[in-house]
N, C-alpha and C. Protein backbone atom coordinates (compact mmCIF):
# COMPACT_ATOMS: atom_id res chain seq x y z
N MET A 1 -28.01 6.26 -24.49
CA MET A 1 -26.80 4.96 -23.98
C MET A 1 -27.42 3.62 -23.78
N SER A 2 -26.82 2.90 -24.11
CA SER A 2 -27.38 1.69 -24.30
C SER A 2 -27.39 1.09 -22.64
N LYS A 3 -28.13 -0.11 -22.75
CA LYS A 3 -28.15 -0.78 -21.38
C LYS A 3 -27.04 -1.25 -20.74
N ASP A 4 -26.40 -1.91 -21.93
CA ASP A 4 -24.80 -2.40 -21.47
C ASP A 4 -23.51 -1.60 -20.75
N LYS A 5 -23.73 -0.10 -21.39
CA LYS A 5 -23.11 0.90 -21.06
C LYS A 5 -23.29 1.27 -20.03
N ARG A 6 -24.90 1.32 -19.21
CA ARG A 6 -25.22 1.82 -18.16
C ARG A 6 -25.17 0.73 -17.13
N ARG A 7 -25.20 -0.28 -17.93
CA ARG A 7 -24.87 -1.59 -16.31
C ARG A 7 -23.32 -1.55 -16.13
N GLY A 8 -22.43 -1.21 -17.13
CA GLY A 8 -21.09 -1.56 -17.02
C GLY A 8 -20.82 -0.03 -16.09
N ARG A 9 -21.13 0.88 -16.33
CA ARG A 9 -20.97 2.57 -15.47
C ARG A 9 -21.41 2.15 -14.32
N ASN A 10 -22.89 1.58 -13.87
CA ASN A 10 -23.23 1.00 -12.78
C ASN A 10 -22.25 0.42 -11.69
N ASN A 11 -22.08 -0.80 -12.32
CA ASN A 11 -21.10 -1.92 -11.62
C ASN A 11 -19.83 -1.12 -11.71
N PHE A 12 -19.07 -0.29 -12.53
CA PHE A 12 -17.91 0.21 -12.11
C PHE A 12 -17.98 1.60 -10.55
N VAL A 13 -18.99 1.90 -10.69
CA VAL A 13 -19.39 2.86 -9.46
C VAL A 13 -19.90 1.79 -7.97
N ILE A 14 -20.30 0.69 -8.37
CA ILE A 14 -20.71 0.02 -7.33
C ILE A 14 -18.99 -0.66 -7.01
N LEU A 15 -18.20 -0.90 -7.76
CA LEU A 15 -17.19 -1.32 -7.49
C LEU A 15 -16.06 -0.20 -6.62
N LEU A 16 -16.43 0.92 -7.28
CA LEU A 16 -15.39 2.28 -6.49
C LEU A 16 -16.18 2.51 -4.96
N ILE A 17 -17.68 1.99 -4.94
CA ILE A 17 -17.99 2.58 -3.34
C ILE A 17 -17.73 1.12 -2.27
N ILE A 18 -18.03 0.03 -3.26
CA ILE A 18 -17.09 -1.37 -2.24
C ILE A 18 -15.68 -0.87 -1.92
N THR A 19 -14.95 -0.41 -2.74
CA THR A 19 -13.33 -0.39 -2.32
C THR A 19 -13.12 0.72 -1.45
N LEU A 20 -14.06 1.77 -1.60
CA LEU A 20 -13.88 3.07 -0.66
C LEU A 20 -14.36 2.31 0.85
N ALA A 21 -15.43 1.62 1.12
CA ALA A 21 -15.62 1.34 1.76
C ALA A 21 -14.88 0.72 2.66
N VAL A 22 -14.04 -0.76 1.92
CA VAL A 22 -13.48 -1.59 2.44
C VAL A 22 -11.93 -0.81 2.86
N PHE A 23 -11.33 -0.06 2.08
CA PHE A 23 -10.16 0.86 2.38
C PHE A 23 -10.75 2.06 3.52
N LEU A 24 -11.49 2.27 3.85
CA LEU A 24 -12.03 3.03 5.04
C LEU A 24 -11.80 2.15 6.12
N THR A 25 -12.39 1.13 6.47
CA THR A 25 -12.16 0.15 7.04
C THR A 25 -10.51 -0.09 7.61
N GLY A 26 -9.94 -0.26 6.57
CA GLY A 26 -8.51 -0.50 6.78
C GLY A 26 -7.69 0.64 7.25
N LEU A 27 -8.27 1.72 7.06
CA LEU A 27 -7.48 3.21 7.16
C LEU A 27 -7.86 3.01 9.11
N PHE A 28 -9.29 3.24 9.21
CA PHE A 28 -9.62 3.04 10.55
C PHE A 28 -8.53 2.20 11.29
N GLY A 29 -8.81 1.17 11.09
CA GLY A 29 -8.05 -0.06 11.99
C GLY A 29 -6.53 0.62 11.93
N SER A 30 -5.81 1.15 10.70
CA SER A 30 -4.42 1.29 11.06
C SER A 30 -4.29 2.30 11.95
N LEU A 31 -5.02 3.13 11.88
CA LEU A 31 -4.94 4.32 12.62
C LEU A 31 -4.83 4.01 13.99
N PHE A 32 -5.09 2.75 14.73
CA PHE A 32 -4.67 2.14 16.04
C PHE A 32 -3.88 1.41 16.28
N THR A 33 -3.58 0.50 14.90
CA THR A 33 -2.16 -0.62 14.52
C THR A 33 -0.81 0.19 14.75
N SER A 34 -0.62 0.98 13.88
CA SER A 34 0.37 1.31 13.37
C SER A 34 1.67 1.70 14.72
N THR A 35 1.20 2.60 15.45
CA THR A 35 1.94 2.48 16.70
C THR A 35 1.65 1.69 17.74
N ALA A 36 0.76 1.22 17.78
CA ALA A 36 0.45 0.48 18.75
C ALA A 36 1.61 -0.79 19.04
N THR A 37 1.62 -1.45 17.45
CA THR A 37 2.49 -2.23 17.28
C THR A 37 4.23 -2.08 18.05
N LYS A 38 4.25 -0.70 18.28
CA LYS A 38 5.82 -0.47 18.59
C LYS A 38 5.50 -0.13 20.07
N SER A 39 4.43 -0.02 20.80
CA SER A 39 4.60 -0.37 22.01
C SER A 39 4.86 -1.23 23.10
N GLN A 40 5.37 -0.36 24.13
CA GLN A 40 6.07 -1.98 25.18
C GLN A 40 5.03 -2.59 25.53
N TRP A 41 3.75 -1.85 25.80
CA TRP A 41 2.86 -3.17 26.27
C TRP A 41 2.37 -3.97 25.33
N TYR A 42 2.55 -3.86 23.81
CA TYR A 42 2.36 -4.76 22.72
C TYR A 42 3.66 -5.81 22.73
N LEU A 43 4.64 -5.28 22.55
CA LEU A 43 6.04 -6.14 22.43
C LEU A 43 6.09 -6.76 23.96
N GLU A 44 6.12 -6.49 25.14
CA GLU A 44 6.28 -7.22 25.92
C GLU A 44 4.84 -8.44 26.27
N ASN A 45 3.89 -8.11 25.35
CA ASN A 45 2.63 -9.19 25.61
C ASN A 45 2.83 -10.41 24.15
N LYS A 46 3.04 -9.63 23.34
CA LYS A 46 2.90 -10.56 21.99
C LYS A 46 3.19 -11.84 22.31
N PRO A 47 2.32 -12.70 21.64
CA PRO A 47 2.65 -14.49 21.60
C PRO A 47 4.32 -14.67 21.19
N SER A 48 4.74 -15.65 21.09
CA SER A 48 6.27 -15.75 20.67
C SER A 48 6.40 -15.84 18.84
N PHE A 49 4.79 -16.71 18.83
CA PHE A 49 4.65 -17.03 17.10
C PHE A 49 3.92 -15.56 16.34
N THR A 50 3.92 -14.63 17.27
CA THR A 50 3.42 -13.82 16.34
C THR A 50 4.58 -13.07 15.14
N PRO A 51 3.99 -12.93 13.52
CA PRO A 51 4.56 -13.22 12.53
C PRO A 51 5.06 -11.28 12.56
N PRO A 52 6.23 -11.15 11.55
CA PRO A 52 6.42 -10.08 11.66
C PRO A 52 5.48 -8.98 11.09
N ARG A 53 5.39 -7.73 11.56
CA ARG A 53 4.51 -6.59 11.08
C ARG A 53 4.19 -6.34 9.67
N ILE A 54 5.32 -6.97 8.64
CA ILE A 54 5.38 -6.75 7.12
C ILE A 54 4.40 -8.00 7.05
N VAL A 55 4.22 -9.02 7.77
CA VAL A 55 3.04 -9.84 7.01
C VAL A 55 1.89 -9.48 7.51
N PHE A 56 1.63 -8.72 8.45
CA PHE A 56 0.05 -8.30 8.69
C PHE A 56 -0.34 -7.19 7.67
N SER A 57 1.01 -6.65 7.13
CA SER A 57 0.68 -5.56 5.90
C SER A 57 0.06 -6.23 4.62
N ILE A 58 1.14 -7.26 4.42
CA ILE A 58 0.76 -7.87 3.40
C ILE A 58 -0.51 -8.55 3.04
N ALA A 59 -0.68 -9.53 4.19
CA ALA A 59 -1.75 -10.20 4.40
C ALA A 59 -2.75 -9.33 4.46
N TRP A 60 -3.13 -8.24 4.99
CA TRP A 60 -4.36 -7.10 4.97
C TRP A 60 -5.06 -6.77 3.91
N THR A 61 -3.47 -6.63 2.88
CA THR A 61 -3.20 -5.77 1.84
C THR A 61 -4.39 -7.08 0.89
N ILE A 62 -4.03 -8.23 0.71
CA ILE A 62 -4.31 -8.88 0.06
C ILE A 62 -5.74 -9.58 0.42
N LEU A 63 -6.29 -9.33 1.85
CA LEU A 63 -7.51 -9.77 1.95
C LEU A 63 -8.48 -8.83 1.75
N TYR A 64 -7.86 -7.56 2.05
CA TYR A 64 -8.90 -6.73 1.50
C TYR A 64 -9.51 -6.41 0.02
N ILE A 65 -8.36 -6.68 -1.18
CA ILE A 65 -8.24 -7.25 -2.06
C ILE A 65 -9.96 -8.37 -2.38
N LEU A 66 -9.39 -9.25 -1.51
CA LEU A 66 -10.30 -10.44 -1.69
C LEU A 66 -11.73 -10.57 -1.50
N ILE A 67 -11.72 -9.51 -0.36
CA ILE A 67 -13.17 -9.06 0.59
C ILE A 67 -13.90 -8.08 -0.85
N ILE A 68 -13.39 -6.85 -1.18
CA ILE A 68 -13.72 -6.23 -2.02
C ILE A 68 -14.34 -6.80 -3.46
N LEU A 69 -13.33 -8.17 -3.96
CA LEU A 69 -13.91 -8.69 -4.80
C LEU A 69 -15.13 -9.48 -4.76
N ALA A 70 -14.89 -10.19 -3.74
CA ALA A 70 -16.36 -11.11 -2.99
C ALA A 70 -17.62 -10.34 -2.78
N ILE A 71 -17.60 -8.84 -2.37
CA ILE A 71 -18.57 -8.49 -2.05
C ILE A 71 -19.09 -7.50 -3.79
N TYR A 72 -18.33 -7.31 -4.25
CA TYR A 72 -18.74 -7.13 -5.56
C TYR A 72 -19.33 -8.20 -6.85
N PHE A 73 -18.72 -9.39 -6.70
CA PHE A 73 -18.99 -10.33 -7.23
C PHE A 73 -20.52 -10.90 -7.13
N SER A 74 -20.23 -10.88 -5.64
CA SER A 74 -21.93 -11.14 -5.05
C SER A 74 -22.63 -9.92 -5.59
N TRP A 75 -22.60 -8.73 -5.39
CA TRP A 75 -23.24 -7.48 -5.05
C TRP A 75 -24.14 -7.54 -6.85
N ILE A 76 -23.33 -7.86 -7.39
CA ILE A 76 -23.82 -7.91 -9.24
C ILE A 76 -24.36 -8.89 -9.81
N LYS A 77 -24.36 -10.04 -8.97
CA LYS A 77 -25.05 -11.19 -9.07
C LYS A 77 -26.48 -11.41 -8.35
N SER A 78 -26.61 -10.79 -7.36
CA SER A 78 -27.86 -10.72 -6.53
C SER A 78 -28.81 -9.78 -7.27
N LYS A 79 -30.58 -10.90 -7.22
CA LYS A 79 -31.13 -10.06 -6.96
C LYS A 79 -31.26 -8.95 -6.20
N LYS A 80 -32.43 -8.14 -6.26
CA LYS A 80 -32.65 -6.97 -5.49
C LYS A 80 -33.05 -6.96 -4.45
N SER A 81 -33.96 -8.13 -3.84
CA SER A 81 -34.44 -8.64 -2.46
C SER A 81 -32.88 -8.96 -1.71
N GLU A 82 -32.31 -9.81 -2.23
CA GLU A 82 -30.89 -10.12 -1.65
C GLU A 82 -29.77 -9.04 -1.46
N LYS A 83 -30.17 -7.94 -2.01
CA LYS A 83 -28.89 -6.68 -1.83
C LYS A 83 -29.20 -6.19 -0.16
N ILE A 84 -30.26 -5.87 0.15
CA ILE A 84 -30.11 -5.47 1.58
C ILE A 84 -29.72 -6.24 2.64
N LYS A 85 -29.75 -7.60 2.46
CA LYS A 85 -28.90 -9.02 3.00
C LYS A 85 -27.29 -8.80 2.99
N LEU A 86 -27.27 -8.54 1.86
CA LEU A 86 -25.75 -8.53 1.81
C LEU A 86 -25.02 -7.61 2.24
N LEU A 87 -25.62 -6.39 2.02
CA LEU A 87 -25.22 -4.98 2.99
C LEU A 87 -25.22 -5.20 4.21
N ILE A 88 -26.32 -5.72 5.10
CA ILE A 88 -26.42 -6.18 6.51
C ILE A 88 -24.77 -6.88 7.28
N ILE A 89 -24.70 -7.71 6.03
CA ILE A 89 -23.59 -9.01 6.45
C ILE A 89 -22.65 -8.23 6.31
N PHE A 90 -21.85 -7.93 5.13
CA PHE A 90 -20.63 -7.23 5.24
C PHE A 90 -20.86 -5.29 5.82
N GLY A 91 -22.10 -5.32 5.83
CA GLY A 91 -21.50 -4.29 6.73
C GLY A 91 -21.24 -4.40 8.24
N LEU A 92 -21.87 -5.00 8.80
CA LEU A 92 -21.77 -5.65 9.90
C LEU A 92 -20.38 -6.41 9.89
N ASN A 93 -19.83 -6.88 8.85
CA ASN A 93 -18.43 -7.47 9.20
C ASN A 93 -17.14 -6.41 9.10
N LEU A 94 -17.85 -5.39 8.30
CA LEU A 94 -16.44 -4.17 8.05
C LEU A 94 -16.55 -3.43 9.14
N ILE A 95 -17.54 -3.26 9.85
CA ILE A 95 -17.79 -2.09 10.92
C ILE A 95 -16.78 -3.15 12.31
N SER A 96 -17.53 -4.60 12.22
CA SER A 96 -16.39 -5.40 13.31
C SER A 96 -15.46 -4.87 12.98
N ASN A 97 -14.62 -5.38 11.93
CA ASN A 97 -12.99 -5.53 11.45
C ASN A 97 -12.51 -4.36 12.13
N ALA A 98 -13.45 -3.03 11.79
CA ALA A 98 -12.69 -1.76 11.99
C ALA A 98 -12.29 -1.72 13.48
N LEU A 99 -13.75 -2.27 14.07
CA LEU A 99 -13.61 -2.01 15.42
C LEU A 99 -12.35 -2.67 16.63
N TRP A 100 -12.35 -3.83 15.69
CA TRP A 100 -11.41 -4.86 16.64
C TRP A 100 -9.64 -3.84 16.97
N SER A 101 -9.44 -2.91 16.37
CA SER A 101 -7.79 -2.48 16.09
C SER A 101 -8.56 -1.41 17.13
N PHE A 102 -9.43 -0.95 17.69
CA PHE A 102 -9.71 0.08 18.61
C PHE A 102 -10.02 -0.47 19.61
N LEU A 103 -10.74 -1.63 19.58
CA LEU A 103 -10.87 -2.38 21.33
C LEU A 103 -9.46 -2.90 21.51
N PHE A 104 -8.59 -3.79 20.76
CA PHE A 104 -7.52 -4.50 21.26
C PHE A 104 -6.05 -3.38 21.25
N PHE A 105 -5.84 -2.70 20.73
CA PHE A 105 -4.61 -1.27 20.38
C PHE A 105 -5.04 -0.40 21.28
N TYR A 106 -6.22 0.54 20.76
CA TYR A 106 -6.34 1.39 21.21
C TYR A 106 -6.99 1.58 23.29
N LEU A 107 -7.72 0.68 23.43
CA LEU A 107 -8.21 0.15 24.37
C LEU A 107 -7.20 -0.85 25.38
N ARG A 108 -6.43 -1.42 24.78
CA ARG A 108 -5.68 -2.44 25.03
C ARG A 108 -6.57 -3.71 25.99
N ASN A 109 -7.38 -4.19 25.28
CA ASN A 109 -8.86 -5.03 26.01
C ASN A 109 -8.67 -6.22 25.24
N PRO A 110 -7.88 -6.99 25.22
CA PRO A 110 -7.87 -8.74 24.08
C PRO A 110 -9.19 -9.01 24.42
N LEU A 111 -10.13 -9.30 25.48
CA LEU A 111 -10.99 -9.65 25.94
C LEU A 111 -12.13 -9.04 24.86
N PHE A 112 -12.31 -7.82 24.70
CA PHE A 112 -13.17 -6.83 24.23
C PHE A 112 -12.91 -7.33 22.31
N GLY A 113 -11.25 -7.73 22.33
CA GLY A 113 -11.21 -7.83 20.49
C GLY A 113 -11.27 -9.55 20.58
N PHE A 114 -11.25 -10.43 21.34
CA PHE A 114 -11.64 -11.39 21.10
C PHE A 114 -13.00 -11.52 20.77
N ILE A 115 -13.99 -11.07 21.83
CA ILE A 115 -15.47 -11.07 21.41
C ILE A 115 -15.70 -10.11 20.09
N ASP A 116 -15.12 -9.62 19.69
CA ASP A 116 -14.96 -8.61 18.45
C ASP A 116 -14.48 -9.85 17.32
N LEU A 117 -13.36 -10.58 17.56
CA LEU A 117 -13.29 -11.42 16.62
C LEU A 117 -14.49 -12.56 16.32
N LEU A 118 -15.09 -12.65 17.44
CA LEU A 118 -16.06 -14.05 17.47
C LEU A 118 -17.48 -13.30 16.54
N ILE A 119 -17.76 -12.42 17.11
CA ILE A 119 -18.50 -11.40 15.50
C ILE A 119 -17.82 -11.30 14.03
N ILE A 120 -16.87 -11.10 14.00
CA ILE A 120 -16.09 -11.05 12.72
C ILE A 120 -16.42 -12.42 11.99
N PHE A 121 -16.04 -13.59 12.54
CA PHE A 121 -15.95 -15.11 12.15
C PHE A 121 -17.36 -15.17 12.05
N SER A 122 -18.14 -14.85 12.80
CA SER A 122 -19.71 -15.09 12.57
C SER A 122 -20.07 -14.47 11.31
N THR A 123 -19.86 -13.20 11.33
CA THR A 123 -20.54 -12.45 9.73
C THR A 123 -19.69 -12.88 8.57
N ILE A 124 -18.18 -13.60 8.70
CA ILE A 124 -18.15 -14.40 7.42
C ILE A 124 -18.53 -15.72 7.38
N ILE A 125 -18.93 -16.20 8.30
CA ILE A 125 -19.37 -17.87 8.45
C ILE A 125 -20.66 -17.50 7.35
N TRP A 126 -21.45 -16.52 7.98
CA TRP A 126 -23.22 -15.90 7.50
C TRP A 126 -22.75 -15.38 5.95
N ALA A 127 -21.72 -14.61 5.57
CA ALA A 127 -21.43 -14.09 4.25
C ALA A 127 -20.88 -15.67 3.63
N LEU A 128 -20.61 -16.86 4.29
CA LEU A 128 -20.16 -18.09 3.49
C LEU A 128 -21.40 -18.52 2.88
N PHE A 129 -22.14 -18.78 3.94
CA PHE A 129 -23.24 -19.39 3.21
C PHE A 129 -24.10 -18.76 2.51
N TYR A 130 -24.63 -17.50 2.88
CA TYR A 130 -25.38 -16.70 2.40
C TYR A 130 -24.59 -16.04 0.18
N THR A 131 -23.51 -16.07 0.29
CA THR A 131 -23.22 -15.98 -1.08
C THR A 131 -22.81 -17.14 -1.98
N LYS A 132 -22.98 -18.41 -0.95
CA LYS A 132 -22.58 -19.66 -2.00
C LYS A 132 -23.81 -19.62 -3.21
N LYS A 133 -25.13 -19.10 -2.60
CA LYS A 133 -26.40 -19.53 -3.83
C LYS A 133 -26.40 -18.35 -4.42
N ILE A 134 -25.45 -16.91 -4.33
CA ILE A 134 -25.45 -15.94 -5.16
C ILE A 134 -24.51 -15.83 -6.22
N ASN A 135 -23.26 -16.48 -5.53
CA ASN A 135 -21.72 -16.64 -6.87
C ASN A 135 -20.63 -17.42 -5.45
N PRO A 136 -20.66 -18.60 -6.04
CA PRO A 136 -19.66 -19.56 -5.45
C PRO A 136 -18.42 -18.90 -5.22
N VAL A 137 -18.02 -17.96 -6.51
CA VAL A 137 -16.69 -17.37 -6.49
C VAL A 137 -16.57 -16.56 -5.14
N SER A 138 -17.32 -15.85 -4.73
CA SER A 138 -17.57 -15.13 -3.58
C SER A 138 -17.22 -15.88 -2.25
N THR A 139 -17.59 -16.81 -2.15
CA THR A 139 -17.40 -17.83 -1.31
C THR A 139 -15.85 -18.55 -1.20
N PHE A 140 -15.29 -18.69 -2.31
CA PHE A 140 -13.90 -19.56 -2.38
C PHE A 140 -13.61 -18.31 -1.97
N LEU A 141 -13.44 -16.79 -2.22
CA LEU A 141 -12.74 -15.72 -1.99
C LEU A 141 -12.71 -15.44 -0.66
N LEU A 142 -13.81 -15.47 0.55
CA LEU A 142 -13.73 -15.04 1.66
C LEU A 142 -13.11 -16.05 2.95
N ILE A 143 -12.79 -17.56 1.91
CA ILE A 143 -12.29 -18.80 2.94
C ILE A 143 -10.82 -18.00 3.68
N PRO A 144 -9.82 -17.10 2.94
CA PRO A 144 -8.50 -16.98 3.43
C PRO A 144 -8.95 -15.61 4.28
N TYR A 145 -10.02 -15.38 4.22
CA TYR A 145 -10.20 -14.22 5.14
C TYR A 145 -10.67 -14.79 6.72
N LEU A 146 -11.48 -15.70 6.26
CA LEU A 146 -11.85 -16.80 7.51
C LEU A 146 -10.69 -17.33 8.03
N LEU A 147 -9.61 -18.00 7.48
CA LEU A 147 -8.90 -18.91 7.91
C LEU A 147 -7.85 -17.97 8.71
N TRP A 148 -7.61 -16.43 8.12
CA TRP A 148 -6.68 -15.31 8.79
C TRP A 148 -7.67 -15.05 10.20
N ILE A 149 -8.84 -14.76 10.06
CA ILE A 149 -9.49 -14.84 11.05
C ILE A 149 -9.58 -15.38 12.63
N ILE A 150 -9.12 -17.14 12.09
CA ILE A 150 -9.08 -17.77 13.00
C ILE A 150 -7.47 -17.76 13.60
N PHE A 151 -6.54 -17.30 12.44
CA PHE A 151 -5.56 -17.10 13.81
C PHE A 151 -5.55 -16.35 14.14
N ALA A 152 -6.14 -15.03 13.65
CA ALA A 152 -5.77 -13.36 14.74
C ALA A 152 -6.85 -13.86 16.03
N GLY A 153 -7.73 -14.81 16.07
CA GLY A 153 -7.86 -15.32 17.33
C GLY A 153 -7.21 -16.37 18.33
N ILE A 154 -6.53 -17.13 17.88
CA ILE A 154 -5.69 -17.47 18.15
C ILE A 154 -4.37 -16.57 19.15
N LEU A 155 -3.96 -15.72 17.91
CA LEU A 155 -3.20 -14.82 18.60
C LEU A 155 -3.57 -13.81 19.82
N ASN A 156 -4.89 -13.48 19.28
CA ASN A 156 -5.52 -12.95 20.68
C ASN A 156 -5.82 -13.46 21.77
N LEU A 157 -6.26 -14.55 21.76
CA LEU A 157 -6.35 -15.58 22.96
C LEU A 157 -4.93 -15.49 23.37
N SER A 158 -3.82 -15.89 22.86
CA SER A 158 -2.43 -16.17 23.29
C SER A 158 -1.52 -14.80 24.09
N PHE A 159 -2.40 -13.64 23.69
CA PHE A 159 -1.74 -12.14 24.54
C PHE A 159 -1.45 -12.15 25.66
N GLY A 160 -0.48 -12.04 26.03
CA GLY A 160 -0.08 -12.09 27.08
C GLY A 160 0.22 -13.03 28.30
N LEU A 161 0.07 -14.36 27.73
CA LEU A 161 0.18 -15.86 28.29
C LEU A 161 1.59 -16.06 28.72
């Protein structure tokens, strides 16, 4: 098998692994979100400017696709020495991302949710700076995620006010 075919096959496997990791993040979060957004606790306390549920579904689908692409483009352009740091940055981000729904919806704890959003925000900023030197396209792809997390933080802070 030629080197280009092997690289193409390896890149496809990497894309599948990244897609699976991001998909599992979304799936874990949705376990706590889907029924909680119909609960009396949520409906009585959510801010008046909270978008309809469908907006969240559409936004997260788009954001997860952008995250997948950002990780993938960074990974395939990174040097071996940069890959561990990419794993740490995006690993912490995805774990924090999945954890937010558990903290906010399952534990019904907006304070813990907000603290987690600060971690998510920090890892996105870290990713923006780190990916800029590896692949600026990845940096660009992460900007909507950053903006959405800022909006989520505003909603989270306004919860129950």
